[in-house]
């Protein structure tokens, strides 16, 4: 599955993984050494994340149920917390993705089968 920024016409992730079970949401990216370029993890339902135990920074998008970006966090570092009231899900991406795609609050994003 791919993640697209519909507003900007840009691919945000060529390979989107979905974490929607208790265990997959709990694990998230913990235990990984890096998030390869072009990959992302969508966690739902979710409106807050933590970076405890992480070994690398990520870019984060919080979106509502209508797929509108509510908040972005560039370069969230290990040990930090981020949250967004009203978010239905979170997308965790490699650092630089937000800048490279121009993604910002108000944009519409969508998931597409690859």
N, C-alpha and C. Protein backbone atom coordinates (compact mmCIF):
# COMPACT_ATOMS: atom_id res chain seq x y z
N UNK A 1 0.85 -1.17 0.00
CA UNK A 1 0.00 0.00 0.00
C UNK A 1 0.89 1.24 0.00
N UNK A 2 0.45 2.28 -0.68
CA UNK A 2 1.17 3.54 -0.74
C UNK A 2 0.43 4.61 0.05
N UNK A 3 1.18 5.63 0.48
CA UNK A 3 0.58 6.79 1.12
C UNK A 3 0.86 8.00 0.24
N UNK A 4 -0.20 8.71 -0.12
CA UNK A 4 -0.10 9.87 -1.00
C UNK A 4 -0.55 11.13 -0.28
N UNK A 5 0.12 12.24 -0.57
CA UNK A 5 -0.38 13.55 -0.20
C UNK A 5 -1.21 14.01 -1.39
N UNK A 6 -2.52 13.90 -1.26
CA UNK A 6 -3.45 14.21 -2.34
C UNK A 6 -3.40 15.70 -2.70
N UNK A 7 -3.23 16.54 -1.70
CA UNK A 7 -3.19 17.98 -1.93
C UNK A 7 -2.01 18.38 -2.81
N UNK A 8 -0.87 17.77 -2.57
CA UNK A 8 0.37 18.14 -3.27
C UNK A 8 0.71 17.21 -4.44
N UNK A 9 -0.05 16.09 -4.56
CA UNK A 9 0.23 15.14 -5.62
C UNK A 9 1.58 14.45 -5.47
N UNK A 10 1.98 14.19 -4.22
CA UNK A 10 3.29 13.59 -3.93
C UNK A 10 3.13 12.28 -3.18
N UNK A 11 3.98 11.31 -3.51
CA UNK A 11 4.01 10.05 -2.77
C UNK A 11 4.78 10.28 -1.48
N UNK A 12 4.15 9.95 -0.36
CA UNK A 12 4.82 10.07 0.94
C UNK A 12 5.52 8.77 1.32
N UNK A 13 4.95 7.63 0.90
CA UNK A 13 5.55 6.33 1.18
C UNK A 13 5.15 5.34 0.10
N UNK A 14 6.13 4.66 -0.44
CA UNK A 14 5.88 3.60 -1.43
C UNK A 14 5.39 2.32 -0.75
N UNK A 15 5.85 2.13 0.49
CA UNK A 15 5.50 0.92 1.24
C UNK A 15 4.95 1.34 2.61
N UNK A 16 3.63 1.30 2.74
CA UNK A 16 2.96 1.68 3.97
C UNK A 16 2.52 0.44 4.73
N UNK A 17 2.98 0.32 5.95
CA UNK A 17 2.54 -0.77 6.82
C UNK A 17 1.50 -0.21 7.77
N UNK A 18 0.53 -1.06 8.15
CA UNK A 18 -0.55 -0.62 9.04
C UNK A 18 -0.46 -1.39 10.35
N UNK A 19 -0.48 -0.65 11.44
CA UNK A 19 -0.52 -1.24 12.77
C UNK A 19 -1.88 -0.91 13.36
N UNK A 20 -2.78 -1.90 13.37
CA UNK A 20 -4.13 -1.64 13.87
C UNK A 20 -4.61 -2.66 14.90
N UNK A 21 -3.71 -3.54 15.32
CA UNK A 21 -4.04 -4.47 16.41
C UNK A 21 -3.35 -3.97 17.68
N UNK A 22 -3.80 -4.45 18.81
CA UNK A 22 -3.20 -4.03 20.08
C UNK A 22 -1.69 -4.22 20.06
N UNK A 23 -1.25 -5.42 19.68
CA UNK A 23 0.18 -5.74 19.74
C UNK A 23 0.98 -4.97 18.70
N UNK A 24 0.47 -4.83 17.49
CA UNK A 24 1.23 -4.10 16.47
C UNK A 24 1.31 -2.61 16.80
N UNK A 25 0.26 -2.06 17.41
CA UNK A 25 0.30 -0.66 17.85
C UNK A 25 1.26 -0.48 19.01
N UNK A 26 1.26 -1.45 19.92
CA UNK A 26 2.15 -1.38 21.08
C UNK A 26 3.62 -1.42 20.64
N UNK A 27 3.93 -2.30 19.70
CA UNK A 27 5.31 -2.45 19.23
C UNK A 27 5.75 -1.29 18.36
N UNK A 28 4.89 -0.85 17.45
CA UNK A 28 5.26 0.25 16.55
C UNK A 28 6.58 -0.01 15.87
N UNK A 29 7.50 0.94 15.99
CA UNK A 29 8.83 0.80 15.39
C UNK A 29 9.88 0.37 16.40
N UNK A 30 9.46 0.07 17.63
CA UNK A 30 10.42 -0.35 18.64
C UNK A 30 11.19 -1.58 18.17
N UNK A 31 12.47 -1.58 18.42
CA UNK A 31 13.31 -2.71 18.05
C UNK A 31 13.87 -2.63 16.64
N UNK A 32 13.47 -1.60 15.88
CA UNK A 32 14.02 -1.45 14.53
C UNK A 32 15.24 -0.52 14.59
N UNK A 33 16.17 -0.72 13.67
CA UNK A 33 17.39 0.08 13.63
C UNK A 33 17.23 1.33 12.78
N UNK A 34 16.30 1.28 11.85
CA UNK A 34 16.02 2.43 10.99
C UNK A 34 14.70 2.21 10.28
N UNK A 35 14.15 3.29 9.75
CA UNK A 35 12.97 3.22 8.90
C UNK A 35 13.45 3.59 7.50
N UNK A 36 13.55 2.60 6.60
CA UNK A 36 14.12 2.86 5.27
C UNK A 36 13.34 3.94 4.50
N UNK A 37 14.06 4.65 3.67
CA UNK A 37 13.45 5.66 2.82
C UNK A 37 12.33 5.02 2.00
N UNK A 38 11.21 5.72 1.89
CA UNK A 38 10.08 5.21 1.11
C UNK A 38 9.12 4.34 1.89
N UNK A 39 9.44 4.07 3.17
CA UNK A 39 8.55 3.27 4.01
C UNK A 39 7.92 4.14 5.09
N UNK A 40 6.78 3.67 5.62
CA UNK A 40 6.10 4.38 6.70
C UNK A 40 5.24 3.39 7.48
N UNK A 41 4.92 3.77 8.71
CA UNK A 41 4.04 2.97 9.56
C UNK A 41 2.85 3.83 9.96
N UNK A 42 1.64 3.35 9.65
CA UNK A 42 0.40 4.02 10.05
C UNK A 42 -0.14 3.28 11.26
N UNK A 43 -0.39 4.03 12.35
CA UNK A 43 -0.89 3.45 13.59
C UNK A 43 -2.29 3.99 13.83
N UNK A 44 -3.28 3.07 13.94
CA UNK A 44 -4.66 3.50 14.17
C UNK A 44 -5.40 2.53 15.07
N UNK A 45 -6.27 2.98 15.93
CA UNK A 45 -6.45 4.38 16.29
C UNK A 45 -5.27 4.86 17.13
N UNK A 46 -4.95 6.13 17.01
CA UNK A 46 -3.81 6.68 17.75
C UNK A 46 -3.83 8.20 17.65
N UNK A 47 -3.61 8.86 18.79
CA UNK A 47 -3.48 10.32 18.77
C UNK A 47 -2.28 10.80 19.58
N UNK A 48 -1.45 9.84 20.05
CA UNK A 48 -0.21 10.23 20.71
C UNK A 48 0.81 9.11 20.57
N UNK A 49 2.08 9.50 20.50
CA UNK A 49 3.15 8.52 20.38
C UNK A 49 4.28 8.90 21.32
N UNK A 50 5.12 7.92 21.62
CA UNK A 50 6.33 8.19 22.40
C UNK A 50 7.51 7.60 21.66
N UNK A 51 8.67 8.15 21.96
CA UNK A 51 9.90 7.71 21.32
C UNK A 51 10.84 7.03 22.33
N UNK A 52 10.28 6.56 23.45
CA UNK A 52 11.09 5.88 24.45
C UNK A 52 11.59 4.56 23.88
N UNK A 53 12.87 4.31 23.99
CA UNK A 53 13.45 3.08 23.47
C UNK A 53 13.82 3.13 22.00
N UNK A 54 13.49 4.22 21.33
CA UNK A 54 13.83 4.35 19.91
C UNK A 54 15.30 4.75 19.76
N UNK A 55 15.89 4.38 18.63
CA UNK A 55 17.30 4.66 18.39
C UNK A 55 17.52 5.69 17.28
N UNK A 56 16.43 6.18 16.70
CA UNK A 56 16.55 7.14 15.60
C UNK A 56 15.34 8.07 15.60
N UNK A 57 15.49 9.21 14.94
CA UNK A 57 14.42 10.20 14.83
C UNK A 57 13.51 9.87 13.64
N UNK A 58 12.28 10.40 13.69
CA UNK A 58 11.31 10.19 12.61
C UNK A 58 10.52 11.48 12.36
N UNK A 59 9.87 11.54 11.20
CA UNK A 59 8.87 12.57 10.92
C UNK A 59 7.50 11.96 11.22
N UNK A 60 6.57 12.78 11.69
CA UNK A 60 5.26 12.28 12.12
C UNK A 60 4.14 13.15 11.54
N UNK A 61 3.07 12.48 11.12
CA UNK A 61 1.84 13.15 10.69
C UNK A 61 0.70 12.63 11.54
N UNK A 62 -0.08 13.55 12.09
CA UNK A 62 -1.33 13.21 12.79
C UNK A 62 -2.46 13.61 11.85
N UNK A 63 -3.41 12.69 11.61
CA UNK A 63 -4.52 12.97 10.70
C UNK A 63 -5.85 12.56 11.34
N UNK A 64 -6.93 13.20 10.89
CA UNK A 64 -8.26 12.88 11.41
C UNK A 64 -8.91 11.79 10.56
N UNK A 65 -10.13 11.43 10.91
CA UNK A 65 -10.84 10.34 10.23
C UNK A 65 -11.15 10.67 8.77
N UNK A 66 -11.14 11.95 8.41
CA UNK A 66 -11.37 12.36 7.02
C UNK A 66 -10.05 12.48 6.24
N UNK A 67 -8.96 12.00 6.85
CA UNK A 67 -7.62 12.00 6.23
C UNK A 67 -7.01 13.38 6.04
N UNK A 68 -7.47 14.34 6.85
CA UNK A 68 -6.86 15.67 6.80
C UNK A 68 -5.73 15.73 7.82
N UNK A 69 -4.59 16.24 7.39
CA UNK A 69 -3.45 16.40 8.29
C UNK A 69 -3.78 17.48 9.31
N UNK A 70 -3.70 17.11 10.59
CA UNK A 70 -3.96 18.06 11.67
C UNK A 70 -2.68 18.67 12.21
N UNK A 71 -1.61 17.86 12.22
CA UNK A 71 -0.35 18.31 12.82
C UNK A 71 0.79 17.52 12.20
N UNK A 72 1.93 18.17 12.03
CA UNK A 72 3.15 17.48 11.60
C UNK A 72 4.24 17.75 12.63
N UNK A 73 5.12 16.78 12.79
CA UNK A 73 6.28 16.94 13.66
C UNK A 73 7.49 16.44 12.88
N UNK A 74 8.38 17.34 12.55
CA UNK A 74 9.60 16.96 11.83
C UNK A 74 10.69 16.61 12.83
N UNK A 75 11.39 15.54 12.54
CA UNK A 75 12.57 15.13 13.30
C UNK A 75 12.26 14.93 14.80
N UNK A 76 11.26 14.12 15.10
CA UNK A 76 10.95 13.78 16.49
C UNK A 76 12.05 12.85 16.99
N UNK A 77 12.71 13.26 18.05
CA UNK A 77 13.91 12.55 18.52
C UNK A 77 13.59 11.52 19.60
N UNK A 78 14.48 10.53 19.77
CA UNK A 78 14.29 9.52 20.82
C UNK A 78 14.07 10.17 22.19
N UNK A 79 13.17 9.57 22.97
CA UNK A 79 12.86 10.06 24.30
C UNK A 79 11.76 11.10 24.36
N UNK A 80 11.27 11.55 23.22
CA UNK A 80 10.24 12.60 23.18
C UNK A 80 8.84 12.00 23.03
N UNK A 81 7.84 12.85 23.26
CA UNK A 81 6.42 12.49 23.13
C UNK A 81 5.77 13.50 22.20
N UNK A 82 4.81 13.04 21.39
CA UNK A 82 4.02 13.95 20.55
C UNK A 82 2.57 13.49 20.58
N UNK A 83 1.65 14.46 20.56
CA UNK A 83 0.23 14.12 20.57
C UNK A 83 -0.55 15.18 19.80
N UNK A 84 -1.80 14.82 19.47
CA UNK A 84 -2.66 15.74 18.74
C UNK A 84 -4.11 15.39 19.04
N UNK A 85 -4.79 16.30 19.69
CA UNK A 85 -6.21 16.11 19.97
C UNK A 85 -6.99 16.04 18.65
N UNK A 86 -7.88 15.06 18.55
CA UNK A 86 -8.71 14.91 17.37
C UNK A 86 -8.14 14.00 16.30
N UNK A 87 -6.90 13.56 16.49
CA UNK A 87 -6.29 12.67 15.49
C UNK A 87 -6.90 11.28 15.58
N UNK A 88 -7.13 10.68 14.42
CA UNK A 88 -7.62 9.30 14.35
C UNK A 88 -6.47 8.32 14.16
N UNK A 89 -5.40 8.81 13.52
CA UNK A 89 -4.24 7.96 13.30
C UNK A 89 -2.97 8.79 13.16
N UNK A 90 -1.86 8.09 13.24
CA UNK A 90 -0.53 8.68 13.14
C UNK A 90 0.24 7.95 12.05
N UNK A 91 1.03 8.68 11.29
CA UNK A 91 1.94 8.07 10.32
C UNK A 91 3.37 8.43 10.73
N UNK A 92 4.19 7.39 10.90
CA UNK A 92 5.60 7.57 11.24
C UNK A 92 6.42 7.32 9.98
N UNK A 93 7.30 8.27 9.65
CA UNK A 93 8.06 8.23 8.39
C UNK A 93 9.52 8.59 8.64
N UNK A 94 10.40 8.26 7.70
CA UNK A 94 11.80 8.66 7.85
C UNK A 94 11.94 10.18 7.88
N UNK A 95 12.93 10.66 8.62
CA UNK A 95 13.21 12.10 8.65
C UNK A 95 13.45 12.61 7.23
N UNK A 96 12.91 13.78 6.98
CA UNK A 96 13.04 14.40 5.67
C UNK A 96 11.82 14.23 4.79
N UNK A 97 10.94 13.29 5.15
CA UNK A 97 9.75 13.05 4.33
C UNK A 97 8.83 14.27 4.29
N UNK A 98 8.63 14.91 5.43
CA UNK A 98 7.75 16.09 5.47
C UNK A 98 8.29 17.19 4.57
N UNK A 99 9.58 17.45 4.67
CA UNK A 99 10.19 18.49 3.85
C UNK A 99 10.16 18.12 2.37
N UNK A 100 10.50 16.88 2.06
CA UNK A 100 10.56 16.44 0.66
C UNK A 100 9.20 16.44 -0.03
N UNK A 101 8.13 16.22 0.72
CA UNK A 101 6.79 16.17 0.13
C UNK A 101 6.01 17.46 0.33
N UNK A 102 6.53 18.37 1.15
CA UNK A 102 5.84 19.63 1.41
C UNK A 102 4.59 19.46 2.26
N UNK A 103 4.47 18.32 2.95
CA UNK A 103 3.27 18.02 3.73
C UNK A 103 3.14 18.97 4.92
N UNK A 104 1.94 19.51 5.10
CA UNK A 104 1.68 20.43 6.21
C UNK A 104 0.22 20.31 6.64
N UNK A 105 -0.11 20.84 7.82
CA UNK A 105 -1.49 20.78 8.30
C UNK A 105 -2.46 21.35 7.26
N UNK A 106 -3.60 20.66 7.13
CA UNK A 106 -4.62 21.05 6.16
C UNK A 106 -4.59 20.20 4.90
N UNK A 107 -3.44 19.58 4.61
CA UNK A 107 -3.35 18.71 3.44
C UNK A 107 -4.24 17.48 3.61
N UNK A 108 -4.68 16.90 2.50
CA UNK A 108 -5.42 15.64 2.52
C UNK A 108 -4.47 14.54 2.08
N UNK A 109 -4.48 13.42 2.82
CA UNK A 109 -3.65 12.28 2.46
C UNK A 109 -4.55 11.09 2.19
N UNK A 110 -4.04 10.14 1.43
CA UNK A 110 -4.83 8.95 1.13
C UNK A 110 -3.94 7.73 0.97
N UNK A 111 -4.53 6.57 1.25
CA UNK A 111 -3.86 5.30 1.08
C UNK A 111 -4.33 4.69 -0.23
N UNK A 112 -3.38 4.19 -1.02
CA UNK A 112 -3.71 3.57 -2.30
C UNK A 112 -3.03 2.21 -2.38
N UNK A 113 -3.72 1.26 -3.00
CA UNK A 113 -3.08 -0.03 -3.26
C UNK A 113 -1.98 0.19 -4.29
N UNK A 114 -0.84 -0.44 -4.04
CA UNK A 114 0.31 -0.26 -4.94
C UNK A 114 0.13 -1.04 -6.22
